[in-house]
Amino acid sequence: MTKAEACRVLQVAPSAEEDLVTNAYWHLATKLRALAVRDPEARRKLDELNRAYLVLNPTYAEAPLSKEAPPAPEEQETSFVDDFAAWARRTVDQTVARWPNRAPELAILTGTTVFLGYIAIMSGANQTAAIVALVVALVTIWSPWRPDGRS
């Protein structure tokens, strides 16, 4: 990275003093550090910011936040619940994108299905069978691969 590129990343003039460069670094790094945990683009920008700081301050061996930065998102493990929630969000988004005018219908069907599943379980039905039936019904309601009824 050249000095001009480092100045662009830190948003300072090439003639900026070390205090101004440090202040600019901390200002930008504080914003990016919180986002870098979940956003790969923010993590990449934070790494670039650390490199730019070292280019403009060659006396330092490493940037102040290089050790405090969260690990890259691809290194973090995700739980089953997080993966399932992400899958469910994608499915809902795909379904609503395919049928934007049917969102109220889908919400009503979902609410009714969950309510009926709850009543079945509270009435003494086999919990496993009720949950399997509930999941099958919800997948059928929200599946974006269903035909849209047009011929």
C-alpha atoms as a PDB file:
ATOM      1  CA  MET A   1       0.000   0.000   0.000  1.00  0.00           C
ATOM      2  CA  THR A   2       1.382   3.393  -0.966  1.00  0.00           C
ATOM      3  CA  LYS A   3       1.307   6.474   1.210  1.00  0.00           C
ATOM      4  CA  ALA A   4      -1.340   8.058  -1.054  1.00  0.00           C
ATOM      5  CA  GLU A   5      -3.570   4.967  -0.726  1.00  0.00           C
ATOM      6  CA  ALA A   6      -3.091   4.963   3.041  1.00  0.00           C
ATOM      7  CA  CYS A   7      -4.099   8.634   3.213  1.00  0.00           C
ATOM      8  CA  ARG A   8      -7.206   7.860   1.149  1.00  0.00           C
ATOM      9  CA  VAL A   9      -8.173   4.982   3.468  1.00  0.00           C
ATOM     10  CA  LEU A  10      -7.663   7.087   6.589  1.00  0.00           C
ATOM     11  CA  GLN A  11      -9.251  10.129   4.918  1.00  0.00           C
ATOM     12  CA  VAL A  12      -6.374  12.468   5.739  1.00  0.00           C
ATOM     13  CA  ALA A  13      -4.119  14.702   3.670  1.00  0.00           C
ATOM     14  CA  PRO A  14      -0.606  13.428   2.844  1.00  0.00           C
ATOM     15  CA  SER A  15       0.805  16.303   4.899  1.00  0.00           C
ATOM     16  CA  ALA A  16      -1.263  15.409   8.016  1.00  0.00           C
ATOM     17  CA  GLU A  17       0.566  15.235  11.324  1.00  0.00           C
ATOM     18  CA  GLU A  18       0.835  12.010  13.305  1.00  0.00           C
ATOM     19  CA  ASP A  19      -1.804  13.129  15.850  1.00  0.00           C
ATOM     20  CA  LEU A  20      -4.349  13.777  13.101  1.00  0.00           C
ATOM     21  CA  VAL A  21      -3.606  10.396  11.502  1.00  0.00           C
ATOM     22  CA  THR A  22      -4.040   8.669  14.866  1.00  0.00           C
ATOM     23  CA  ASN A  23      -7.317  10.483  15.547  1.00  0.00           C
ATOM     24  CA  ALA A  24      -8.626   9.593  12.096  1.00  0.00           C
ATOM     25  CA  TYR A  25      -7.600   5.964  12.632  1.00  0.00           C
ATOM     26  CA  TRP A  26      -9.392   5.732  15.991  1.00  0.00           C
ATOM     27  CA  HIS A  27     -12.499   7.442  14.640  1.00  0.00           C
ATOM     28  CA  LEU A  28     -12.830   5.045  11.703  1.00  0.00           C
ATOM     29  CA  ALA A  29     -11.646   1.934  13.551  1.00  0.00           C
ATOM     30  CA  THR A  30     -14.144   2.385  16.382  1.00  0.00           C
ATOM     31  CA  LYS A  31     -17.015   2.375  13.884  1.00  0.00           C
ATOM     32  CA  LEU A  32     -15.716  -0.639  11.987  1.00  0.00           C
ATOM     33  CA  ARG A  33     -14.761  -2.740  15.022  1.00  0.00           C
ATOM     34  CA  ALA A  34     -18.395  -3.203  16.083  1.00  0.00           C
ATOM     35  CA  LEU A  35     -19.490  -4.141  12.566  1.00  0.00           C
ATOM     36  CA  ALA A  36     -16.541  -6.443  11.818  1.00  0.00           C
ATOM     37  CA  VAL A  37     -17.920  -9.241  13.982  1.00  0.00           C
ATOM     38  CA  ARG A  38     -20.757 -10.006  11.549  1.00  0.00           C
ATOM     39  CA  ASP A  39     -19.917  -8.189   8.324  1.00  0.00           C
ATOM     40  CA  PRO A  40     -17.031  -9.533   6.194  1.00  0.00           C
ATOM     41  CA  GLU A  41     -16.841  -6.246   4.276  1.00  0.00           C
ATOM     42  CA  ALA A  42     -16.384  -4.266   7.514  1.00  0.00           C
ATOM     43  CA  ARG A  43     -13.731  -6.769   8.608  1.00  0.00           C
ATOM     44  CA  ARG A  44     -11.884  -6.261   5.310  1.00  0.00           C
ATOM     45  CA  LYS A  45     -12.075  -2.473   5.729  1.00  0.00           C
ATOM     46  CA  LEU A  46     -10.758  -2.726   9.298  1.00  0.00           C
ATOM     47  CA  ASP A  47      -7.790  -4.795   8.095  1.00  0.00           C
ATOM     48  CA  GLU A  48      -7.150  -2.234   5.357  1.00  0.00           C
ATOM     49  CA  LEU A  49      -7.379   0.557   7.933  1.00  0.00           C
ATOM     50  CA  ASN A  50      -4.791  -1.191  10.119  1.00  0.00           C
ATOM     51  CA  ARG A  51      -2.414  -1.550   7.141  1.00  0.00           C
ATOM     52  CA  ALA A  52      -2.910   2.110   6.207  1.00  0.00           C
ATOM     53  CA  TYR A  53      -2.116   3.194   9.761  1.00  0.00           C
ATOM     54  CA  LEU A  54       1.160   1.243   9.665  1.00  0.00           C
ATOM     55  CA  VAL A  55       2.116   2.783   6.324  1.00  0.00           C
ATOM     56  CA  LEU A  56       1.665   6.291   7.731  1.00  0.00           C
ATOM     57  CA  ASN A  57       3.246   5.406  11.096  1.00  0.00           C
ATOM     58  CA  PRO A  58       6.194   3.135  10.244  1.00  0.00           C
ATOM     59  CA  THR A  59       7.609   3.412  13.771  1.00  0.00           C
ATOM     60  CA  TYR A  60       4.839   1.122  15.081  1.00  0.00           C
ATOM     61  CA  ALA A  61       5.083  -2.650  14.692  1.00  0.00           C
ATOM     62  CA  GLU A  62       1.317  -3.055  14.582  1.00  0.00           C
ATOM     63  CA  ALA A  63      -1.840  -0.953  14.561  1.00  0.00           C
ATOM     64  CA  PRO A  64      -3.498  -0.319  17.943  1.00  0.00           C
ATOM     65  CA  LEU A  65      -6.601  -2.392  17.161  1.00  0.00           C
ATOM     66  CA  SER A  66      -4.926  -5.195  15.240  1.00  0.00           C
ATOM     67  CA  LYS A  67      -4.996  -7.480  18.312  1.00  0.00           C
ATOM     68  CA  GLU A  68      -8.412  -6.317  19.545  1.00  0.00           C
ATOM     69  CA  ALA A  69     -10.181  -6.833  16.250  1.00  0.00           C
ATOM     70  CA  PRO A  70     -12.646  -9.708  16.328  1.00  0.00           C
ATOM     71  CA  PRO A  71     -11.761 -12.826  14.365  1.00  0.00           C
ATOM     72  CA  ALA A  72     -12.859 -12.919  10.780  1.00  0.00           C
ATOM     73  CA  PRO A  73     -16.463 -14.118  10.394  1.00  0.00           C
ATOM     74  CA  GLU A  74     -15.455 -17.202   8.394  1.00  0.00           C
ATOM     75  CA  GLU A  75     -13.402 -18.378  11.386  1.00  0.00           C
ATOM     76  CA  GLN A  76     -16.336 -18.224  13.782  1.00  0.00           C
ATOM     77  CA  GLU A  77     -18.493 -21.282  14.241  1.00  0.00           C
ATOM     78  CA  THR A  78     -22.236 -20.919  13.939  1.00  0.00           C
ATOM     79  CA  SER A  79     -24.764 -22.862  15.902  1.00  0.00           C
ATOM     80  CA  PHE A  80     -27.550 -24.981  14.481  1.00  0.00           C
ATOM     81  CA  VAL A  81     -30.087 -22.399  15.651  1.00  0.00           C
ATOM     82  CA  ASP A  82     -28.264 -19.592  13.795  1.00  0.00           C
ATOM     83  CA  ASP A  83     -28.039 -21.681  10.629  1.00  0.00           C
ATOM     84  CA  PHE A  84     -31.708 -22.650  10.866  1.00  0.00           C
ATOM     85  CA  ALA A  85     -32.774 -19.031  11.469  1.00  0.00           C
ATOM     86  CA  ALA A  86     -30.726 -17.890   8.445  1.00  0.00           C
ATOM     87  CA  TRP A  87     -32.313 -20.611   6.303  1.00  0.00           C
ATOM     88  CA  ALA A  88     -35.807 -19.647   7.510  1.00  0.00           C
ATOM     89  CA  ARG A  89     -35.150 -15.953   6.742  1.00  0.00           C
ATOM     90  CA  ARG A  90     -33.934 -16.803   3.227  1.00  0.00           C
ATOM     91  CA  THR A  91     -36.994 -18.994   2.608  1.00  0.00           C
ATOM     92  CA  VAL A  92     -39.383 -16.290   3.802  1.00  0.00           C
ATOM     93  CA  ASP A  93     -37.595 -13.653   1.693  1.00  0.00           C
ATOM     94  CA  GLN A  94     -37.707 -15.865  -1.415  1.00  0.00           C
ATOM     95  CA  THR A  95     -41.378 -16.674  -0.913  1.00  0.00           C
ATOM     96  CA  VAL A  96     -42.398 -13.061  -0.289  1.00  0.00           C
ATOM     97  CA  ALA A  97     -40.313 -11.959  -3.299  1.00  0.00           C
ATOM     98  CA  ARG A  98     -42.119 -14.479  -5.484  1.00  0.00           C
ATOM     99  CA  TRP A  99     -45.585 -13.563  -4.185  1.00  0.00           C
ATOM    100  CA  PRO A 100     -45.395 -10.012  -2.805  1.00  0.00           C
ATOM    101  CA  ASN A 101     -49.195  -9.623  -2.673  1.00  0.00           C
ATOM    102  CA  ARG A 102     -49.691 -12.840  -0.718  1.00  0.00           C
ATOM    103  CA  ALA A 103     -47.777 -11.880   2.430  1.00  0.00           C
ATOM    104  CA  PRO A 104     -50.987 -11.381   4.481  1.00  0.00           C
ATOM    105  CA  GLU A 105     -52.294 -14.767   3.324  1.00  0.00           C
ATOM    106  CA  LEU A 106     -49.025 -16.449   4.258  1.00  0.00           C
ATOM    107  CA  ALA A 107     -49.020 -14.768   7.676  1.00  0.00           C
ATOM    108  CA  ILE A 108     -52.603 -15.846   8.387  1.00  0.00           C
ATOM    109  CA  LEU A 109     -51.913 -19.427   7.280  1.00  0.00           C
ATOM    110  CA  THR A 110     -48.777 -19.542   9.412  1.00  0.00           C
ATOM    111  CA  GLY A 111     -50.518 -18.160  12.487  1.00  0.00           C
ATOM    112  CA  THR A 112     -53.458 -20.522  12.091  1.00  0.00           C
ATOM    113  CA  THR A 113     -51.188 -23.532  11.612  1.00  0.00           C
ATOM    114  CA  VAL A 114     -49.107 -22.714  14.686  1.00  0.00           C
ATOM    115  CA  PHE A 115     -52.259 -22.115  16.744  1.00  0.00           C
ATOM    116  CA  LEU A 116     -53.770 -25.446  15.664  1.00  0.00           C
ATOM    117  CA  GLY A 117     -50.500 -27.220  16.432  1.00  0.00           C
ATOM    118  CA  TYR A 118     -50.500 -25.641  19.888  1.00  0.00           C
ATOM    119  CA  ILE A 119     -54.100 -26.727  20.507  1.00  0.00           C
ATOM    120  CA  ALA A 120     -53.286 -30.284  19.381  1.00  0.00           C
ATOM    121  CA  ILE A 121     -50.347 -30.533  21.776  1.00  0.00           C
ATOM    122  CA  MET A 122     -52.311 -29.007  24.668  1.00  0.00           C
ATOM    123  CA  SER A 123     -55.182 -31.457  24.001  1.00  0.00           C
ATOM    124  CA  GLY A 124     -52.905 -34.412  24.572  1.00  0.00           C
ATOM    125  CA  ALA A 125     -51.844 -35.345  21.044  1.00  0.00           C
ATOM    126  CA  ASN A 126     -48.501 -37.063  20.568  1.00  0.00           C
ATOM    127  CA  GLN A 127     -46.016 -34.179  20.712  1.00  0.00           C
ATOM    128  CA  THR A 128     -43.622 -35.645  18.170  1.00  0.00           C
ATOM    129  CA  ALA A 129     -46.386 -36.325  15.641  1.00  0.00           C
ATOM    130  CA  ALA A 130     -47.900 -32.869  16.167  1.00  0.00           C
ATOM    131  CA  ILE A 131     -44.540 -31.131  15.732  1.00  0.00           C
ATOM    132  CA  VAL A 132     -43.737 -33.138  12.585  1.00  0.00           C
ATOM    133  CA  ALA A 133     -47.164 -32.284  11.135  1.00  0.00           C
ATOM    134  CA  LEU A 134     -46.666 -28.631  12.075  1.00  0.00           C
ATOM    135  CA  VAL A 135     -43.243 -28.477  10.398  1.00  0.00           C
ATOM    136  CA  VAL A 136     -44.559 -30.170   7.240  1.00  0.00           C
ATOM    137  CA  ALA A 137     -47.462 -27.711   7.086  1.00  0.00           C
ATOM    138  CA  LEU A 138     -45.203 -24.684   7.580  1.00  0.00           C
ATOM    139  CA  VAL A 139     -42.703 -25.860   4.970  1.00  0.00           C
ATOM    140  CA  THR A 140     -45.574 -26.355   2.536  1.00  0.00           C
ATOM    141  CA  ILE A 141     -46.941 -22.878   3.251  1.00  0.00           C
ATOM    142  CA  TRP A 142     -43.590 -21.120   2.933  1.00  0.00           C
ATOM    143  CA  SER A 143     -41.931 -23.151   0.199  1.00  0.00           C
ATOM    144  CA  PRO A 144     -40.901 -20.850  -2.670  1.00  0.00           C
ATOM    145  CA  TRP A 145     -40.802 -23.794  -5.080  1.00  0.00           C
ATOM    146  CA  ARG A 146     -44.604 -24.277  -4.961  1.00  0.00           C
ATOM    147  CA  PRO A 147     -46.356 -23.573  -8.255  1.00  0.00           C
ATOM    148  CA  ASP A 148     -47.925 -20.133  -8.197  1.00  0.00           C
ATOM    149  CA  GLY A 149     -51.258 -21.340  -9.632  1.00  0.00           C
ATOM    150  CA  ARG A 150     -50.825 -19.690 -13.021  1.00  0.00           C
ATOM    151  CA  SER A 151     -51.317 -21.790 -16.128  1.00  0.00           C
END
